[in-house]
Amino acid sequence: MTDGQLAVGLVLVSALMHATWNAIVKLSGERVAVIGVIETLCCAIALSLTPLVPFPSAAVWPYLGVSMAIAVAYKVAFLGAYRHGDFTVAYPLMRGSSPLVVALITIVFGLDTLPAVGYAGIALISLGLFALVDWKHGRPVLVVFAVCGGFALGTSTLVDGTAVRTFGQPFSYLVWLEVLEHLALPVYALTCRRPQYFAVLRGQWKMAGFVAINRIGSYGLMIFAMTLAAIAPLSALRETSVVFAALIGYFVLKEPLGVRRALATSTVAGGILVLHLSRIA
């Protein structure tokens, strides 16, 4: 198995894990409080792991700081998108725009080399993800928030991927990133949703703990994969979490799939195949 093939496998598992915890959050009621508790537990788990990893060098901290700031911007966009529209519009739009952002930036700044067929695969995946958006229930302000969220996702992926490929020590980077990244939203939830926060902490702590472990593990696989292969196609592959979410919705949550979603899912699968035929595989 080549490094590229291992990276593909890791990212697809990461995407499945990401879709799983998002489906759980979707069913869990008060979203700000639930995510606030989940992120509190993410931060606590990461803090417990800090003695096991090297302390980041001075050169790494600017990347961690920028990534943390982008994460705050993403969460503002994330909450804004869900406040103004449906999950079925916001989630695919955010995830679909992210790989396009990564691909465009890598082309402009020459951060990675990828054959044309690789970018064609990225385009197919993004097209399929956009096709999953339920535009009938979208609003202009929702689209703005969602695209801003996708831009934040794309730039944070590039920052994190560049950091671990430049300085190594992906697990140290991941642990400290998880500590820093998960500070803002718990503070917001405790300030604005205090009763709901503690209600979730008392009544849903097992679910929150499972999701926190899943969330850290999902991005951990992505961080490690980015040390093995080009960032742009991996970013596109990870957003196949939207397809896994649609399949979970159909088979587990009994939500309708429909012809449009089936065709969109097939388009994403075709994009994955094209990426496999490019340099990444």
Protein backbone atom coordinates (compact mmCIF):
# COMPACT_ATOMS: atom_id res chain seq x y z
CA MET A 1 0.00 0.00 0.00
CA THR A 2 1.38 3.39 -1.00
CA ASP A 3 1.30 6.50 1.20
CA GLY A 4 -1.37 7.94 -1.08
CA GLN A 5 -3.60 4.89 -0.74
CA LEU A 6 -3.19 4.92 3.04
CA ALA A 7 -4.06 8.62 3.09
CA VAL A 8 -7.24 7.96 1.06
CA GLY A 9 -8.32 5.21 3.45
CA LEU A 10 -7.66 7.35 6.52
CA VAL A 11 -9.59 10.31 5.12
CA LEU A 12 -12.61 8.21 4.12
CA VAL A 13 -12.75 6.78 7.65
CA SER A 14 -12.42 10.35 8.94
CA ALA A 15 -15.34 11.42 6.74
CA LEU A 16 -17.52 8.57 8.04
CA MET A 17 -16.69 9.49 11.64
CA HIS A 18 -17.47 13.15 10.91
CA ALA A 19 -20.85 12.29 9.39
CA THR A 20 -21.67 10.05 12.37
CA TRP A 21 -21.12 12.70 15.02
CA ASN A 22 -22.94 15.33 12.95
CA ALA A 23 -25.96 13.03 12.65
CA ILE A 24 -25.93 12.56 16.44
CA VAL A 25 -25.76 16.31 17.00
CA LYS A 26 -28.59 16.84 14.51
CA LEU A 27 -30.87 14.68 16.68
CA SER A 28 -29.81 16.09 20.02
CA GLY A 29 -32.00 19.20 20.43
CA GLU A 30 -30.53 22.51 21.71
CA ARG A 31 -27.60 22.81 19.28
CA VAL A 32 -25.53 25.58 20.92
CA ALA A 33 -25.65 23.91 24.33
CA VAL A 34 -24.95 20.46 22.89
CA ILE A 35 -21.96 21.61 20.86
CA GLY A 36 -20.76 23.68 23.82
CA VAL A 37 -20.69 20.57 26.02
CA ILE A 38 -19.06 18.48 23.28
CA GLU A 39 -16.33 21.07 22.79
CA THR A 40 -15.77 21.30 26.55
CA LEU A 41 -15.13 17.55 26.58
CA CYS A 42 -12.90 17.80 23.48
CA CYS A 43 -10.80 20.40 25.28
CA ALA A 44 -10.65 18.28 28.46
CA ILE A 45 -9.61 15.15 26.54
CA ALA A 46 -6.92 17.10 24.67
CA LEU A 47 -5.62 18.62 27.92
CA SER A 48 -5.28 15.13 29.40
CA LEU A 49 -3.12 14.14 26.42
CA THR A 50 -0.73 17.10 26.56
CA PRO A 51 1.77 15.32 28.89
CA LEU A 52 2.09 12.55 26.27
CA VAL A 53 3.17 14.75 23.35
CA PRO A 54 6.05 17.20 22.85
CA PHE A 55 5.40 20.87 23.54
CA PRO A 56 5.14 22.68 20.17
CA SER A 57 8.17 24.65 19.09
CA ALA A 58 8.02 28.44 18.84
CA ALA A 59 7.72 28.21 15.04
CA VAL A 60 4.50 26.16 15.30
CA TRP A 61 2.57 28.54 17.57
CA PRO A 62 1.73 31.11 14.85
CA TYR A 63 0.04 28.31 12.89
CA LEU A 64 -1.88 27.21 15.99
CA GLY A 65 -2.92 30.81 16.67
CA VAL A 66 -4.12 31.41 13.13
CA SER A 67 -5.96 28.08 13.06
CA MET A 68 -7.68 28.90 16.37
CA ALA A 69 -8.79 32.31 15.05
CA ILE A 70 -10.14 30.71 11.86
CA ALA A 71 -11.97 28.13 13.98
CA VAL A 72 -13.75 30.92 15.87
CA ALA A 73 -14.77 32.52 12.55
CA TYR A 74 -16.02 29.14 11.31
CA LYS A 75 -18.16 28.64 14.39
CA VAL A 76 -19.71 32.09 14.01
CA ALA A 77 -20.57 31.21 10.39
CA PHE A 78 -21.70 27.71 11.40
CA LEU A 79 -24.13 28.97 14.04
CA GLY A 80 -25.31 31.78 11.77
CA ALA A 81 -26.04 29.37 8.93
CA TYR A 82 -28.05 27.02 11.16
CA ARG A 83 -29.92 29.96 12.70
CA HIS A 84 -31.10 31.17 9.28
CA GLY A 85 -31.90 27.92 7.51
CA ASP A 86 -32.09 24.16 7.35
CA PHE A 87 -29.31 21.67 8.06
CA THR A 88 -29.86 20.17 4.56
CA VAL A 89 -28.83 23.48 2.99
CA ALA A 90 -26.11 24.73 5.32
CA TYR A 91 -24.09 21.55 5.87
CA PRO A 92 -23.58 20.50 2.21
CA LEU A 93 -22.89 24.09 1.16
CA MET A 94 -20.21 24.57 3.81
CA ARG A 95 -18.58 21.23 3.13
CA GLY A 96 -18.85 21.58 -0.67
CA SER A 97 -17.25 25.02 -0.84
CA SER A 98 -14.31 24.05 1.38
CA PRO A 99 -12.41 21.78 -1.08
CA LEU A 100 -12.84 24.36 -3.83
CA VAL A 101 -11.21 26.98 -1.58
CA VAL A 102 -8.32 24.62 -0.84
CA ALA A 103 -7.84 23.74 -4.51
CA LEU A 104 -7.89 27.37 -5.65
CA ILE A 105 -5.40 28.49 -2.98
CA THR A 106 -3.01 25.60 -3.69
CA ILE A 107 -3.10 26.44 -7.41
CA VAL A 108 -2.55 30.18 -6.89
CA PHE A 109 0.26 29.82 -4.35
CA GLY A 110 1.79 26.62 -5.71
CA LEU A 111 1.49 24.80 -2.36
CA ASP A 112 0.95 21.37 -3.95
CA THR A 113 1.36 19.87 -7.40
CA LEU A 114 -1.52 17.85 -8.78
CA PRO A 115 -2.30 16.73 -12.35
CA ALA A 116 -5.33 18.18 -14.11
CA VAL A 117 -7.28 14.96 -13.57
CA GLY A 118 -6.87 15.46 -9.83
CA TYR A 119 -8.50 18.89 -9.96
CA ALA A 120 -11.24 17.41 -12.16
CA GLY A 121 -11.94 14.94 -9.35
CA ILE A 122 -12.11 17.80 -6.83
CA ALA A 123 -14.54 19.63 -9.10
CA LEU A 124 -16.76 16.55 -9.42
CA ILE A 125 -16.85 16.05 -5.66
CA SER A 126 -17.72 19.71 -5.05
CA LEU A 127 -20.38 19.64 -7.78
CA GLY A 128 -21.96 16.57 -6.21
CA LEU A 129 -21.90 18.16 -2.75
CA PHE A 130 -23.51 21.36 -4.03
CA ALA A 131 -26.19 19.21 -5.73
CA LEU A 132 -27.08 17.81 -2.30
CA VAL A 133 -28.12 21.29 -1.12
CA ASP A 134 -31.87 21.73 -0.69
CA TRP A 135 -31.98 25.16 -2.36
CA LYS A 136 -35.77 25.51 -1.94
CA HIS A 137 -35.30 26.03 1.78
CA GLY A 138 -32.28 28.32 1.51
CA ARG A 139 -32.09 32.06 2.13
CA PRO A 140 -29.50 34.56 0.85
CA VAL A 141 -28.17 35.24 4.36
CA LEU A 142 -27.85 31.49 4.94
CA VAL A 143 -25.84 31.10 1.74
CA VAL A 144 -23.49 33.91 2.84
CA PHE A 145 -22.91 32.32 6.25
CA ALA A 146 -22.45 28.86 4.74
CA VAL A 147 -19.95 29.98 2.09
CA CYS A 148 -18.01 31.94 4.72
CA GLY A 149 -17.98 28.77 6.81
CA GLY A 150 -16.67 26.80 3.83
CA PHE A 151 -13.93 29.40 3.27
CA ALA A 152 -12.93 29.14 6.93
CA LEU A 153 -12.84 25.34 6.71
CA GLY A 154 -10.69 25.44 3.59
CA THR A 155 -8.17 27.92 4.97
CA SER A 156 -7.88 26.11 8.31
CA THR A 157 -7.23 22.84 6.45
CA LEU A 158 -4.41 24.51 4.53
CA VAL A 159 -2.92 26.09 7.66
CA ASP A 160 -2.98 22.81 9.59
CA GLY A 161 -1.74 20.74 6.65
CA THR A 162 1.13 23.14 5.97
CA ALA A 163 2.11 23.13 9.66
CA VAL A 164 2.32 19.36 10.05
CA ARG A 165 4.09 18.89 6.72
CA THR A 166 6.62 21.62 7.51
CA PHE A 167 7.36 20.88 11.17
CA GLY A 168 6.26 17.27 11.64
CA GLN A 169 4.85 16.03 14.97
CA PRO A 170 1.23 15.80 13.75
CA PHE A 171 -0.08 14.37 17.03
CA SER A 172 1.47 17.13 19.12
CA TYR A 173 -0.04 19.69 16.75
CA LEU A 174 -3.45 17.99 16.91
CA VAL A 175 -3.54 17.82 20.72
CA TRP A 176 -2.64 21.48 21.23
CA LEU A 177 -4.95 22.55 18.42
CA GLU A 178 -7.82 20.71 20.11
CA VAL A 179 -7.05 22.46 23.40
CA LEU A 180 -7.05 25.94 21.85
CA GLU A 181 -9.79 25.46 19.27
CA HIS A 182 -12.40 24.29 21.75
CA LEU A 183 -12.27 27.20 24.19
CA ALA A 184 -14.49 29.82 22.53
CA LEU A 185 -17.79 28.01 22.03
CA PRO A 186 -18.04 26.59 25.59
CA VAL A 187 -17.52 30.14 26.91
CA TYR A 188 -20.28 31.38 24.60
CA ALA A 189 -22.62 28.53 25.59
CA LEU A 190 -22.01 29.14 29.31
CA THR A 191 -22.67 32.85 28.83
CA CYS A 192 -25.78 32.66 26.63
CA ARG A 193 -27.22 29.17 27.26
CA ARG A 194 -26.15 28.38 30.81
CA PRO A 195 -29.31 26.45 31.93
CA GLN A 196 -29.42 24.47 28.67
CA TYR A 197 -25.67 23.80 28.87
CA PHE A 198 -25.89 22.22 32.32
CA ALA A 199 -29.06 20.33 31.35
CA VAL A 200 -27.16 18.75 28.44
CA LEU A 201 -24.14 18.08 30.65
CA ARG A 202 -26.32 16.23 33.17
CA GLY A 203 -28.58 14.38 30.76
CA GLN A 204 -26.46 13.74 27.64
CA TRP A 205 -22.88 13.52 28.87
CA LYS A 206 -22.39 9.98 27.52
CA MET A 207 -23.48 11.06 24.04
CA ALA A 208 -21.32 14.18 24.28
CA GLY A 209 -18.31 12.13 25.36
CA PHE A 210 -18.75 9.69 22.46
CA VAL A 211 -19.04 12.57 19.98
CA ALA A 212 -15.99 14.34 21.47
CA ILE A 213 -13.81 11.23 21.07
CA ASN A 214 -15.21 10.72 17.57
CA ARG A 215 -14.56 14.36 16.64
CA ILE A 216 -10.95 14.37 17.83
CA GLY A 217 -10.29 11.01 16.17
CA SER A 218 -11.82 12.17 12.90
CA TYR A 219 -9.60 15.23 12.57
CA GLY A 220 -6.62 13.31 13.92
CA LEU A 221 -6.85 10.92 10.97
CA MET A 222 -7.07 13.92 8.62
CA ILE A 223 -4.01 15.60 10.19
CA PHE A 224 -1.96 12.41 9.82
CA ALA A 225 -3.16 11.84 6.24
CA MET A 226 -1.99 15.34 5.26
CA THR A 227 1.58 14.30 6.10
CA LEU A 228 1.32 11.55 3.46
CA ALA A 229 -0.30 13.15 0.39
CA ALA A 230 -1.35 16.41 -1.27
CA ILE A 231 -3.70 18.55 0.82
CA ALA A 232 -6.21 19.60 -1.87
CA PRO A 233 -7.52 16.15 -2.88
CA LEU A 234 -7.59 15.03 0.76
CA SER A 235 -9.70 18.06 1.62
CA ALA A 236 -12.15 17.10 -1.12
CA LEU A 237 -12.26 13.49 0.01
CA ARG A 238 -13.02 14.44 3.60
CA GLU A 239 -16.08 16.39 2.53
CA THR A 240 -17.60 13.11 1.38
CA SER A 241 -18.86 13.16 4.96
CA VAL A 242 -21.92 14.82 3.38
CA VAL A 243 -22.54 11.65 1.35
CA PHE A 244 -22.10 9.46 4.42
CA ALA A 245 -24.52 11.79 6.23
CA ALA A 246 -27.09 11.34 3.43
CA LEU A 247 -26.68 7.55 3.60
CA ILE A 248 -26.99 7.56 7.39
CA GLY A 249 -30.10 9.72 7.01
CA TYR A 250 -31.60 7.23 4.54
CA PHE A 251 -30.70 3.91 6.18
CA VAL A 252 -30.68 4.88 9.87
CA LEU A 253 -32.88 7.97 10.23
CA LYS A 254 -35.26 6.84 7.44
CA GLU A 255 -35.06 10.18 5.63
CA PRO A 256 -35.91 10.18 1.89
CA LEU A 257 -32.97 9.97 -0.55
CA GLY A 258 -34.67 10.79 -3.86
CA VAL A 259 -33.34 10.81 -7.41
CA ARG A 260 -31.46 14.12 -7.05
CA ARG A 261 -29.59 12.98 -3.94
CA ALA A 262 -28.82 9.61 -5.51
CA LEU A 263 -27.36 11.31 -8.62
CA ALA A 264 -25.41 13.77 -6.46
CA THR A 265 -24.00 10.89 -4.41
CA SER A 266 -22.99 9.10 -7.61
CA THR A 267 -21.24 12.27 -8.82
CA VAL A 268 -19.22 12.42 -5.60
CA ALA A 269 -18.36 8.73 -5.95
CA GLY A 270 -17.18 9.45 -9.51
CA GLY A 271 -15.01 12.27 -8.21
CA ILE A 272 -13.45 9.91 -5.66
CA LEU A 273 -12.68 7.42 -8.44
CA VAL A 274 -11.06 10.17 -10.53
CA LEU A 275 -8.91 11.18 -7.55
CA HIS A 276 -7.90 7.56 -7.11
CA LEU A 277 -6.72 7.52 -10.73
CA SER A 278 -4.69 10.70 -10.19
CA ARG A 279 -1.39 11.05 -8.30
CA ILE A 280 -2.95 10.62 -4.83
CA ALA A 281 -3.46 6.89 -5.35
